[in-house]
Amino acid sequence: MTTLDAIFLGLLQGIAEFLPISSSGHLTLAQTIMALQEAPLTINLALHVATLLVVVIFFRAKIRKLLFPLDLNYLKAIIVCSIPTGIIGLGIKEMGAALFEQGHWSAVFLCCNGLFLIALHYKLKPSPHEQTDLPEAPTMRQAFLIGVVQGVAALPGISRSGSTIGCARALGLPAAVAAEFSLLASLPVIFGAALLESKDFVSFSHPGLMSLSFIIAMISGWVSVGLLLKIVSKDAWKWWGFYCLAAGALYLALYAR
């Protein structure tokens, strides 16, 4: 890994994590094209921790409000969401690292993600004048279904933010609630995955460059999270879907064997 590689991967993670285009899928495709020697799954997870910190900082006021005093209703929704996510995510992990090492899988799932976003765009009607008396948290049923979708989004190429926010919107949650819950619900999942894989973090052959990539991911992630909230408020999913279809198809055409 070179310095330019580290900067590029950090930018890619920070931007793609909060846009509905799958950061893990883009990282896998980039690492395959760049022929990096680091384990793709470990790089993906390390850079996801960087954007996890962005969520913590960005929503620090909301997190403080949830904890002091405890907002049991919202916290229960996050727990209910995390259970199916963890089960499905572990199942995907058992399928093997090949999903993260063979770029064609990411390209195929990226195309699937694109189709989902396009369908979502036509299902939802922009609602710039949403009511003010809407719920602040999803119901337990909504949280569970969002958790199932979040688990499936462990597949590289399936956008976690796009699929969970899209699912929440399709279930009737307002844009602001859907985006906020999606991002906060990612915290225990990414943190738990990082703990499970923490032993592999010491195996980086270029720890200094990974640290640089980590910092770049945090900075670019801070910029792109604001863009995500604008996308959600306008239900502007279609063009991101076309992009995912084009990116996945282009990779398959040029690199799949």
Protein backbone atom coordinates (compact mmCIF):
# COMPACT_ATOMS: atom_id res chain seq x y z
CA MET A 1 0.00 0.00 0.00
CA THR A 2 1.32 3.42 -0.98
CA THR A 3 0.48 6.83 0.49
CA LEU A 4 -1.78 7.54 -2.48
CA ASP A 5 -3.53 4.19 -1.95
CA ALA A 6 -4.16 5.09 1.69
CA ILE A 7 -5.55 8.52 0.84
CA PHE A 8 -7.75 7.11 -1.92
CA LEU A 9 -9.22 4.33 0.25
CA GLY A 10 -9.88 6.78 3.08
CA LEU A 11 -11.70 9.17 0.75
CA LEU A 12 -13.63 6.31 -0.80
CA GLN A 13 -14.79 4.99 2.57
CA GLY A 14 -15.71 8.39 3.97
CA ILE A 15 -17.73 9.39 0.91
CA ALA A 16 -19.34 6.04 0.10
CA GLU A 17 -20.29 5.10 3.67
CA PHE A 18 -22.87 7.87 3.95
CA LEU A 19 -24.06 7.81 0.36
CA PRO A 20 -26.37 4.95 -0.72
CA ILE A 21 -23.68 3.33 -2.88
CA SER A 22 -22.03 0.80 -0.50
CA SER A 23 -18.61 1.67 0.89
CA SER A 24 -17.71 -2.00 1.40
CA GLY A 25 -18.53 -2.80 -2.21
CA HIS A 26 -16.47 0.11 -3.51
CA LEU A 27 -13.56 -0.75 -1.22
CA THR A 28 -13.59 -4.35 -2.41
CA LEU A 29 -13.65 -3.31 -6.07
CA ALA A 30 -10.90 -0.75 -5.50
CA GLN A 31 -8.67 -3.19 -3.61
CA THR A 32 -9.15 -5.81 -6.33
CA ILE A 33 -8.25 -3.37 -9.11
CA MET A 34 -5.30 -1.98 -7.10
CA ALA A 35 -4.14 -5.52 -6.15
CA LEU A 36 -3.55 -4.61 -2.50
CA GLN A 37 -2.10 -7.32 -0.29
CA GLU A 38 -3.92 -6.38 2.92
CA ALA A 39 -6.93 -8.55 3.82
CA PRO A 40 -9.94 -6.76 2.26
CA LEU A 41 -12.32 -7.61 5.12
CA THR A 42 -9.89 -6.20 7.71
CA ILE A 43 -9.38 -2.97 5.75
CA ASN A 44 -13.14 -2.60 5.30
CA LEU A 45 -13.76 -3.01 9.01
CA ALA A 46 -10.96 -0.67 10.09
CA LEU A 47 -12.25 2.10 7.84
CA HIS A 48 -15.83 1.48 8.98
CA VAL A 49 -14.67 2.19 12.53
CA ALA A 50 -13.47 5.59 11.29
CA THR A 51 -16.92 6.47 9.97
CA LEU A 52 -18.49 5.05 13.14
CA LEU A 53 -16.62 7.76 15.04
CA VAL A 54 -18.06 10.32 12.61
CA VAL A 55 -21.59 9.18 13.54
CA VAL A 56 -20.78 9.42 17.26
CA ILE A 57 -19.45 12.97 16.88
CA PHE A 58 -22.17 14.12 14.47
CA PHE A 59 -25.00 12.82 16.68
CA ARG A 60 -23.33 13.45 20.04
CA ALA A 61 -26.24 15.61 21.25
CA LYS A 62 -28.78 12.93 20.34
CA ILE A 63 -26.68 10.20 21.97
CA ARG A 64 -26.39 12.28 25.14
CA LYS A 65 -30.16 12.77 25.10
CA LEU A 66 -30.73 9.01 24.75
CA LEU A 67 -28.46 8.19 27.70
CA PHE A 68 -29.18 11.01 30.15
CA PRO A 69 -31.85 10.10 31.10
CA LEU A 70 -32.23 6.73 29.41
CA ASP A 71 -34.68 6.77 26.53
CA LEU A 72 -35.72 3.14 26.92
CA ASN A 73 -38.11 3.14 23.97
CA TYR A 74 -35.46 4.30 21.49
CA LEU A 75 -32.73 2.11 22.99
CA LYS A 76 -35.00 -0.95 22.84
CA ALA A 77 -35.59 -0.23 19.16
CA ILE A 78 -31.82 -0.19 18.54
CA ILE A 79 -31.41 -3.49 20.45
CA VAL A 80 -34.27 -5.14 18.54
CA CYS A 81 -32.72 -3.89 15.28
CA SER A 82 -29.27 -5.21 16.23
CA ILE A 83 -30.39 -8.80 16.94
CA PRO A 84 -31.33 -9.87 13.37
CA THR A 85 -28.44 -7.81 12.02
CA GLY A 86 -25.95 -9.72 14.16
CA ILE A 87 -27.39 -13.13 13.27
CA ILE A 88 -27.51 -12.47 9.53
CA GLY A 89 -24.13 -10.71 9.56
CA LEU A 90 -22.44 -13.66 11.28
CA GLY A 91 -24.07 -15.98 8.77
CA ILE A 92 -22.64 -13.95 5.89
CA LYS A 93 -19.22 -13.97 7.57
CA GLU A 94 -19.38 -17.77 7.74
CA MET A 95 -19.87 -17.84 3.97
CA GLY A 96 -16.21 -16.93 3.76
CA ALA A 97 -13.94 -14.02 2.94
CA ALA A 98 -14.30 -14.77 -0.78
CA LEU A 99 -17.25 -12.39 -0.90
CA PHE A 100 -14.86 -9.57 0.02
CA GLU A 101 -11.93 -10.80 -2.05
CA GLN A 102 -13.60 -11.49 -5.38
CA GLY A 103 -14.71 -8.24 -6.93
CA HIS A 104 -17.38 -9.76 -9.16
CA TRP A 105 -19.58 -10.49 -6.13
CA SER A 106 -19.41 -6.85 -5.08
CA ALA A 107 -20.25 -5.78 -8.63
CA VAL A 108 -23.30 -8.07 -8.75
CA PHE A 109 -24.57 -6.87 -5.39
CA LEU A 110 -23.89 -3.27 -6.43
CA CYS A 111 -26.22 -3.78 -9.38
CA CYS A 112 -28.84 -5.23 -7.01
CA ASN A 113 -28.39 -2.17 -4.79
CA GLY A 114 -28.95 0.07 -7.79
CA LEU A 115 -32.19 -1.67 -8.71
CA PHE A 116 -33.41 -1.31 -5.12
CA LEU A 117 -32.68 2.42 -5.07
CA ILE A 118 -34.45 3.00 -8.37
CA ALA A 119 -37.51 1.06 -7.16
CA LEU A 120 -37.43 2.99 -3.90
CA HIS A 121 -37.36 6.31 -5.74
CA TYR A 122 -40.56 5.49 -7.58
CA LYS A 123 -42.26 4.06 -4.50
CA LEU A 124 -41.70 7.11 -2.32
CA LYS A 125 -43.17 10.51 -2.96
CA PRO A 126 -41.09 13.50 -1.86
CA SER A 127 -42.69 15.11 1.19
CA PRO A 128 -40.95 18.41 1.95
CA HIS A 129 -43.75 19.45 4.32
CA GLU A 130 -43.81 16.49 6.68
CA GLN A 131 -45.91 16.69 9.82
CA THR A 132 -44.35 17.66 13.10
CA ASP A 133 -46.29 15.22 15.30
CA LEU A 134 -44.60 12.08 13.97
CA PRO A 135 -42.98 9.40 16.18
CA GLU A 136 -39.38 9.92 17.26
CA ALA A 137 -38.51 6.21 17.07
CA PRO A 138 -39.62 3.19 15.03
CA THR A 139 -41.94 0.58 16.49
CA MET A 140 -40.43 -2.76 17.53
CA ARG A 141 -41.75 -4.35 14.32
CA GLN A 142 -40.23 -1.61 12.19
CA ALA A 143 -36.93 -1.86 14.08
CA PHE A 144 -36.80 -5.63 13.56
CA LEU A 145 -37.41 -5.34 9.81
CA ILE A 146 -34.80 -2.59 9.52
CA GLY A 147 -32.42 -4.91 11.39
CA VAL A 148 -33.04 -7.71 8.89
CA VAL A 149 -32.23 -5.36 6.01
CA GLN A 150 -29.15 -4.08 7.86
CA GLY A 151 -27.93 -7.67 8.21
CA VAL A 152 -28.31 -8.30 4.48
CA ALA A 153 -26.34 -5.09 3.91
CA ALA A 154 -23.26 -6.87 5.27
CA LEU A 155 -22.91 -8.13 1.70
CA PRO A 156 -20.36 -5.99 -0.16
CA GLY A 157 -22.20 -3.90 -2.70
CA ILE A 158 -25.39 -3.53 -0.67
CA SER A 159 -25.50 -0.05 0.88
CA ARG A 160 -26.22 -0.17 4.61
CA SER A 161 -27.39 3.43 4.78
CA GLY A 162 -29.39 3.21 1.56
CA SER A 163 -31.11 -0.07 2.40
CA THR A 164 -31.91 0.71 6.04
CA ILE A 165 -33.12 4.25 5.39
CA GLY A 166 -35.04 3.05 2.35
CA CYS A 167 -36.66 0.28 4.39
CA ALA A 168 -37.56 2.74 7.14
CA ARG A 169 -39.08 5.15 4.63
CA ALA A 170 -41.04 2.33 2.98
CA LEU A 171 -42.36 1.34 6.43
CA GLY A 172 -43.72 4.85 6.89
CA LEU A 173 -41.07 6.57 8.99
CA PRO A 174 -40.42 10.24 8.17
CA ALA A 175 -37.13 11.09 6.47
CA ALA A 176 -35.40 12.67 9.47
CA VAL A 177 -36.33 9.81 11.82
CA ALA A 178 -35.34 7.18 9.25
CA ALA A 179 -31.89 8.71 8.67
CA GLU A 180 -31.16 9.30 12.34
CA PHE A 181 -32.21 5.81 13.41
CA SER A 182 -30.30 4.17 10.56
CA LEU A 183 -27.05 5.87 11.53
CA LEU A 184 -27.45 5.34 15.28
CA ALA A 185 -28.42 1.69 14.79
CA SER A 186 -25.12 1.12 12.98
CA LEU A 187 -23.08 1.93 16.10
CA PRO A 188 -23.50 -1.34 18.09
CA VAL A 189 -23.18 -3.44 14.93
CA ILE A 190 -19.92 -1.91 13.70
CA PHE A 191 -18.53 -1.75 17.23
CA GLY A 192 -19.33 -5.43 17.81
CA ALA A 193 -17.81 -6.46 14.49
CA ALA A 194 -14.67 -4.45 15.30
CA LEU A 195 -14.32 -6.27 18.63
CA LEU A 196 -14.65 -9.66 16.95
CA GLU A 197 -12.01 -8.79 14.36
CA SER A 198 -9.74 -6.65 16.56
CA LYS A 199 -7.07 -9.34 16.66
CA ASP A 200 -6.50 -8.84 12.94
CA PHE A 201 -5.90 -5.10 13.23
CA VAL A 202 -2.34 -5.68 14.49
CA SER A 203 -1.52 -7.61 11.31
CA PHE A 204 -1.48 -4.60 8.99
CA SER A 205 1.76 -4.52 7.06
CA HIS A 206 1.55 -0.71 6.84
CA PRO A 207 -0.02 0.53 10.11
CA GLY A 208 1.10 4.12 9.50
CA LEU A 209 -0.61 4.27 6.12
CA MET A 210 -3.74 2.65 7.54
CA SER A 211 -3.79 5.37 10.21
CA LEU A 212 -3.61 7.99 7.46
CA SER A 213 -6.45 6.28 5.62
CA PHE A 214 -8.44 6.18 8.88
CA ILE A 215 -8.08 9.95 9.39
CA ILE A 216 -8.97 10.73 5.77
CA ALA A 217 -12.08 8.53 6.11
CA MET A 218 -13.17 10.50 9.18
CA ILE A 219 -12.73 13.88 7.48
CA SER A 220 -14.47 12.92 4.24
CA GLY A 221 -17.17 11.07 6.19
CA TRP A 222 -17.99 14.22 8.14
CA VAL A 223 -18.65 16.02 4.85
CA SER A 224 -20.70 13.24 3.24
CA VAL A 225 -23.01 12.57 6.22
CA GLY A 226 -24.53 16.00 5.69
CA LEU A 227 -25.07 15.16 2.02
CA LEU A 228 -26.83 11.94 3.02
CA LEU A 229 -29.34 13.85 5.13
CA LYS A 230 -30.13 16.10 2.14
CA ILE A 231 -30.63 13.06 -0.11
CA VAL A 232 -33.00 11.49 2.41
CA SER A 233 -35.02 14.66 2.92
CA LYS A 234 -35.74 14.79 -0.82
CA ASP A 235 -36.02 11.01 -1.37
CA ALA A 236 -33.51 11.49 -4.18
CA TRP A 237 -32.53 7.87 -4.73
CA LYS A 238 -32.90 7.29 -8.48
CA TRP A 239 -29.64 8.73 -9.77
CA TRP A 240 -27.60 6.91 -7.11
CA GLY A 241 -29.31 3.73 -8.28
CA PHE A 242 -28.30 4.37 -11.88
CA TYR A 243 -24.75 5.04 -10.73
CA CYS A 244 -24.60 1.70 -8.85
CA LEU A 245 -25.93 -0.16 -11.88
CA ALA A 246 -23.37 1.51 -14.14
CA ALA A 247 -20.44 0.95 -11.76
CA GLY A 248 -21.29 -2.71 -11.18
CA ALA A 249 -21.87 -3.41 -14.87
CA LEU A 250 -18.64 -1.64 -15.88
CA TYR A 251 -16.59 -3.70 -13.43
CA LEU A 252 -18.17 -6.95 -14.65
CA ALA A 253 -17.51 -5.97 -18.25
CA LEU A 254 -13.86 -5.06 -17.68
CA TYR A 255 -12.62 -7.30 -14.88
CA ALA A 256 -14.92 -10.31 -14.38
CA ARG A 257 -13.53 -13.57 -15.66
